[in-house]
């Protein structure tokens, strides 16, 4: 995977999508996206797996000096989200993993080569020009420690595996992403669908974000609250079909 081409696109002011299309995952391929939030203390959301570190770090180097990266975070502890976090800690001497306190306690205190920075529920990290709020979403889409980050200055929700889409996609779209996301969920069955799923999505919709930074597929700009509400309804229907 380290020979694959990785692209960079600015999806909101100072927020960059770093994307690698991997053809083997589905018949139409699958994108693995990281997001660099550039500020006085820049943050990388998702690291990619270890095999993608060379191409992702080269792409980050087109945006900032990689050795100055201050923070790494992600949606949950999984190879494509956090697999190369220690490579980033080795690259950037002042870098630290920032994650919800639960995830630090159950996994990251042991897995990180440097102690992580546990975030209190709803804590805001000031990057200098950007403000990232931590929001826990247990088991949504999956993982007890699951979280999202909300960049308050631009209204960008770093929403991880929510709205995953298959295939090679554009960087950002105004088209429907709910239908493709539900199609991907029908294919992968990756979400821990349950009563808490729509509740968490309704809470995120109440933020009224203007951009959804999606880990797999195109990001979205437009009526994000409606998209989150529609995803909640679709997840309820999918959960009902599994009973």
Protein backbone atom coordinates (compact mmCIF):
# COMPACT_ATOMS: atom_id res chain seq x y z
CA UNK A 1 0.00 0.00 0.00
CA UNK A 2 2.94 2.36 0.48
CA UNK A 3 3.25 2.94 -3.30
CA UNK A 4 -0.31 4.22 -3.75
CA UNK A 5 -1.03 7.80 -4.73
CA UNK A 6 -2.36 10.02 -1.98
CA UNK A 7 -4.15 13.30 -2.73
CA UNK A 8 -4.76 16.41 -0.61
CA UNK A 9 -7.78 18.72 -0.85
CA UNK A 10 -8.94 21.57 1.36
CA UNK A 11 -12.55 20.79 2.35
CA UNK A 12 -13.00 23.68 4.80
CA UNK A 13 -10.85 26.65 5.77
CA UNK A 14 -7.61 25.15 7.06
CA UNK A 15 -8.93 21.55 7.04
CA UNK A 16 -7.42 19.18 4.48
CA UNK A 17 -8.57 15.76 3.33
CA UNK A 18 -5.66 13.37 2.71
CA UNK A 19 -7.03 10.49 0.65
CA UNK A 20 -5.71 7.18 -0.65
CA UNK A 21 -7.83 4.98 -2.91
CA UNK A 22 -7.21 1.26 -2.34
CA UNK A 23 -8.66 -0.93 -5.11
CA UNK A 24 -8.71 -4.31 -3.33
CA UNK A 25 -11.24 -3.63 -0.57
CA UNK A 26 -14.41 -3.74 -2.71
CA UNK A 27 -15.03 -4.29 -6.44
CA UNK A 28 -15.08 -0.48 -6.76
CA UNK A 29 -12.23 0.14 -4.33
CA UNK A 30 -12.34 2.10 -1.08
CA UNK A 31 -10.85 5.38 0.09
CA UNK A 32 -8.93 5.83 3.32
CA UNK A 33 -8.99 9.47 4.41
CA UNK A 34 -7.14 11.43 7.06
CA UNK A 35 -7.83 15.05 7.94
CA UNK A 36 -5.21 17.62 8.84
CA UNK A 37 -6.55 20.54 10.86
CA UNK A 38 -3.89 23.20 10.37
CA UNK A 39 -3.22 25.65 13.18
CA UNK A 40 -0.51 26.81 15.52
CA UNK A 41 -0.75 23.28 16.93
CA UNK A 42 -1.85 21.17 13.95
CA UNK A 43 -3.86 17.97 14.49
CA UNK A 44 -4.15 14.87 12.31
CA UNK A 45 -7.48 13.04 12.59
CA UNK A 46 -6.98 9.37 11.61
CA UNK A 47 -3.45 8.12 11.00
CA UNK A 48 -4.12 5.39 8.45
CA UNK A 49 -2.68 1.88 8.90
CA UNK A 50 1.07 1.39 9.23
CA UNK A 51 1.36 0.38 5.57
CA UNK A 52 0.06 3.76 4.44
CA UNK A 53 2.36 5.82 6.65
CA UNK A 54 4.97 6.61 3.95
CA UNK A 55 2.44 8.01 1.49
CA UNK A 56 0.31 9.75 4.12
CA UNK A 57 3.32 11.38 5.78
CA UNK A 58 4.57 12.56 2.39
CA UNK A 59 1.16 14.13 1.75
CA UNK A 60 1.13 15.79 5.18
CA UNK A 61 4.57 17.16 4.29
CA UNK A 62 2.99 19.08 1.42
CA UNK A 63 0.84 20.93 3.98
CA UNK A 64 3.04 21.34 7.07
CA UNK A 65 6.46 20.28 8.32
CA UNK A 66 5.57 16.77 9.63
CA UNK A 67 7.98 17.14 12.54
CA UNK A 68 5.84 20.01 13.90
CA UNK A 69 2.62 17.99 14.16
CA UNK A 70 1.30 18.54 17.68
CA UNK A 71 -1.74 16.28 18.00
CA UNK A 72 -3.06 12.98 16.63
CA UNK A 73 -6.62 11.82 17.18
CA UNK A 74 -9.15 9.46 15.60
CA UNK A 75 -12.67 8.10 15.94
CA UNK A 76 -11.88 4.78 17.61
CA UNK A 77 -9.01 2.38 18.12
CA UNK A 78 -8.65 0.40 14.88
CA UNK A 79 -5.81 -0.15 12.41
CA UNK A 80 -7.04 2.23 9.72
CA UNK A 81 -7.79 4.91 12.32
CA UNK A 82 -4.80 4.62 14.63
CA UNK A 83 -2.42 2.03 13.17
CA UNK A 84 0.46 4.42 12.51
CA UNK A 85 0.04 6.65 15.56
CA UNK A 86 3.40 5.58 16.99
CA UNK A 87 5.11 6.33 13.68
CA UNK A 88 3.77 9.87 14.03
CA UNK A 89 4.97 10.08 17.62
CA UNK A 90 8.42 9.08 16.38
CA UNK A 91 8.31 11.63 13.55
CA UNK A 92 7.14 14.64 15.57
CA UNK A 93 8.91 14.99 18.94
CA UNK A 94 6.20 17.17 20.52
CA UNK A 95 3.27 15.15 19.13
CA UNK A 96 0.78 13.53 21.48
CA UNK A 97 -2.32 11.39 20.97
CA UNK A 98 -5.41 13.24 22.23
CA UNK A 99 -8.44 11.06 22.87
CA UNK A 100 -11.43 10.64 25.17
CA UNK A 101 -10.52 9.50 28.67
CA UNK A 102 -12.26 6.12 28.29
CA UNK A 103 -10.25 5.18 25.21
CA UNK A 104 -7.05 6.20 26.96
CA UNK A 105 -7.88 4.05 29.96
CA UNK A 106 -8.89 0.88 28.08
CA UNK A 107 -6.36 0.96 25.22
CA UNK A 108 -4.17 3.96 24.52
CA UNK A 109 -2.33 4.21 27.84
CA UNK A 110 -0.85 0.85 26.88
CA UNK A 111 -0.61 1.18 23.07
CA UNK A 112 0.93 4.66 22.73
CA UNK A 113 4.70 4.98 22.85
CA UNK A 114 4.19 8.31 24.64
CA UNK A 115 1.43 8.83 27.21
CA UNK A 116 -1.74 10.10 25.51
CA UNK A 117 -3.62 13.23 26.52
CA UNK A 118 -7.02 12.15 27.90
CA UNK A 119 -9.83 14.51 26.93
CA UNK A 120 -12.77 15.18 29.24
CA UNK A 121 -16.23 14.86 27.74
CA UNK A 122 -16.92 17.97 25.68
CA UNK A 123 -13.43 19.38 26.23
CA UNK A 124 -12.29 21.89 23.61
CA UNK A 125 -8.71 21.71 22.33
CA UNK A 126 -7.41 25.08 21.12
CA UNK A 127 -5.12 24.55 18.14
CA UNK A 128 -4.54 28.27 17.65
CA UNK A 129 -7.06 29.40 15.08
CA UNK A 130 -9.15 26.23 15.35
CA UNK A 131 -11.23 24.87 18.23
CA UNK A 132 -11.92 21.13 18.41
CA UNK A 133 -14.59 19.79 20.75
CA UNK A 134 -14.49 16.16 21.84
CA UNK A 135 -17.84 14.30 21.72
CA UNK A 136 -18.16 10.66 22.80
CA UNK A 137 -20.43 8.40 20.72
CA UNK A 138 -20.18 4.96 22.38
CA UNK A 139 -20.71 2.12 19.86
CA UNK A 140 -21.58 4.65 17.11
CA UNK A 141 -20.61 3.60 14.59
CA UNK A 142 -18.69 0.97 16.57
CA UNK A 143 -16.34 0.73 19.51
CA UNK A 144 -17.03 1.43 23.18
CA UNK A 145 -14.55 4.31 23.05
CA UNK A 146 -15.93 5.85 19.82
CA UNK A 147 -15.81 9.64 19.50
CA UNK A 148 -16.03 12.48 16.99
CA UNK A 149 -14.39 15.89 16.99
CA UNK A 150 -16.26 19.06 16.06
CA UNK A 151 -14.28 22.01 14.74
CA UNK A 152 -16.29 24.94 15.99
CA UNK A 153 -14.72 27.71 13.89
CA UNK A 154 -15.62 26.17 10.52
CA UNK A 155 -18.55 24.00 11.62
CA UNK A 156 -16.75 20.84 10.46
CA UNK A 157 -17.69 17.52 12.06
CA UNK A 158 -14.83 15.01 11.90
CA UNK A 159 -17.22 12.08 11.87
CA UNK A 160 -14.99 9.09 11.17
CA UNK A 161 -16.76 5.99 9.84
CA UNK A 162 -20.18 7.64 9.71
CA UNK A 163 -21.36 8.03 6.08
CA UNK A 164 -18.80 5.54 4.72
CA UNK A 165 -19.09 5.08 0.93
CA UNK A 166 -17.41 2.62 -1.41
CA UNK A 167 -15.59 3.48 -4.63
CA UNK A 168 -13.33 6.29 -5.78
CA UNK A 169 -15.00 9.57 -4.83
CA UNK A 170 -14.44 13.27 -5.21
CA UNK A 171 -13.03 15.10 -2.20
CA UNK A 172 -16.26 16.88 -1.23
CA UNK A 173 -19.79 16.80 -2.56
CA UNK A 174 -23.17 18.47 -2.18
CA UNK A 175 -24.93 15.35 -3.49
CA UNK A 176 -26.69 12.76 -1.37
CA UNK A 177 -24.32 10.74 0.80
CA UNK A 178 -26.98 9.07 2.94
CA UNK A 179 -28.07 6.56 0.30
CA UNK A 180 -24.49 5.49 -0.52
CA UNK A 181 -23.70 5.25 3.22
CA UNK A 182 -26.68 2.99 3.86
CA UNK A 183 -25.66 0.92 0.84
CA UNK A 184 -22.17 0.53 2.27
CA UNK A 185 -23.61 -0.46 5.64
CA UNK A 186 -25.77 -3.10 3.96
CA UNK A 187 -22.55 -4.44 2.38
CA UNK A 188 -20.24 -4.32 5.40
CA UNK A 189 -22.59 -4.55 8.42
CA UNK A 190 -19.94 -2.61 10.30
CA UNK A 191 -22.13 -0.46 12.57
CA UNK A 192 -23.15 -1.57 16.04
CA UNK A 193 -26.79 -0.79 15.32
CA UNK A 194 -28.93 -0.42 18.41
CA UNK A 195 -31.21 1.96 20.33
CA UNK A 196 -28.29 4.32 21.01
CA UNK A 197 -27.44 4.77 17.33
CA UNK A 198 -30.22 7.20 16.32
CA UNK A 199 -29.93 9.02 19.65
CA UNK A 200 -26.25 9.77 19.02
CA UNK A 201 -26.96 10.86 15.45
CA UNK A 202 -29.76 13.19 16.58
CA UNK A 203 -27.36 14.77 19.07
CA UNK A 204 -24.80 15.37 16.33
CA UNK A 205 -27.49 16.82 14.07
CA UNK A 206 -28.28 19.37 16.78
CA UNK A 207 -24.79 20.84 16.23
CA UNK A 208 -25.93 21.88 12.72
CA UNK A 209 -22.49 21.37 11.17
CA UNK A 210 -21.81 22.78 7.71
CA UNK A 211 -19.25 20.15 6.63
CA UNK A 212 -18.97 16.42 7.32
CA UNK A 213 -15.38 15.13 7.11
CA UNK A 214 -15.90 11.48 6.13
CA UNK A 215 -13.21 8.84 6.58
CA UNK A 216 -14.25 6.57 3.70
CA UNK A 217 -15.66 8.36 0.64
CA UNK A 218 -16.54 11.94 -0.18
CA UNK A 219 -16.92 14.58 2.49
CA UNK A 220 -20.13 16.62 2.39
CA UNK A 221 -21.04 20.28 2.57
CA UNK A 222 -24.61 21.51 2.85
CA UNK A 223 -27.50 20.61 5.15
CA UNK A 224 -25.53 18.28 7.39
CA UNK A 225 -28.19 18.22 10.13
CA UNK A 226 -30.73 16.75 7.72
CA UNK A 227 -28.17 14.22 6.47
CA UNK A 228 -27.52 13.08 10.05
CA UNK A 229 -31.25 12.83 10.76
CA UNK A 230 -31.77 10.80 7.57
CA UNK A 231 -28.90 8.51 8.51
CA UNK A 232 -30.54 8.02 11.93
CA UNK A 233 -33.81 6.99 10.26
CA UNK A 234 -32.00 4.67 7.87
CA UNK A 235 -30.10 3.02 10.73
CA UNK A 236 -33.35 2.47 12.62
CA UNK A 237 -34.81 0.76 9.57
CA UNK A 238 -31.72 -1.38 9.06
CA UNK A 239 -31.72 -2.41 12.72
CA UNK A 240 -35.40 -3.36 12.43
CA UNK A 241 -34.65 -5.54 9.41
CA UNK A 242 -32.11 -7.52 11.44
CA UNK A 243 -34.56 -8.44 14.20
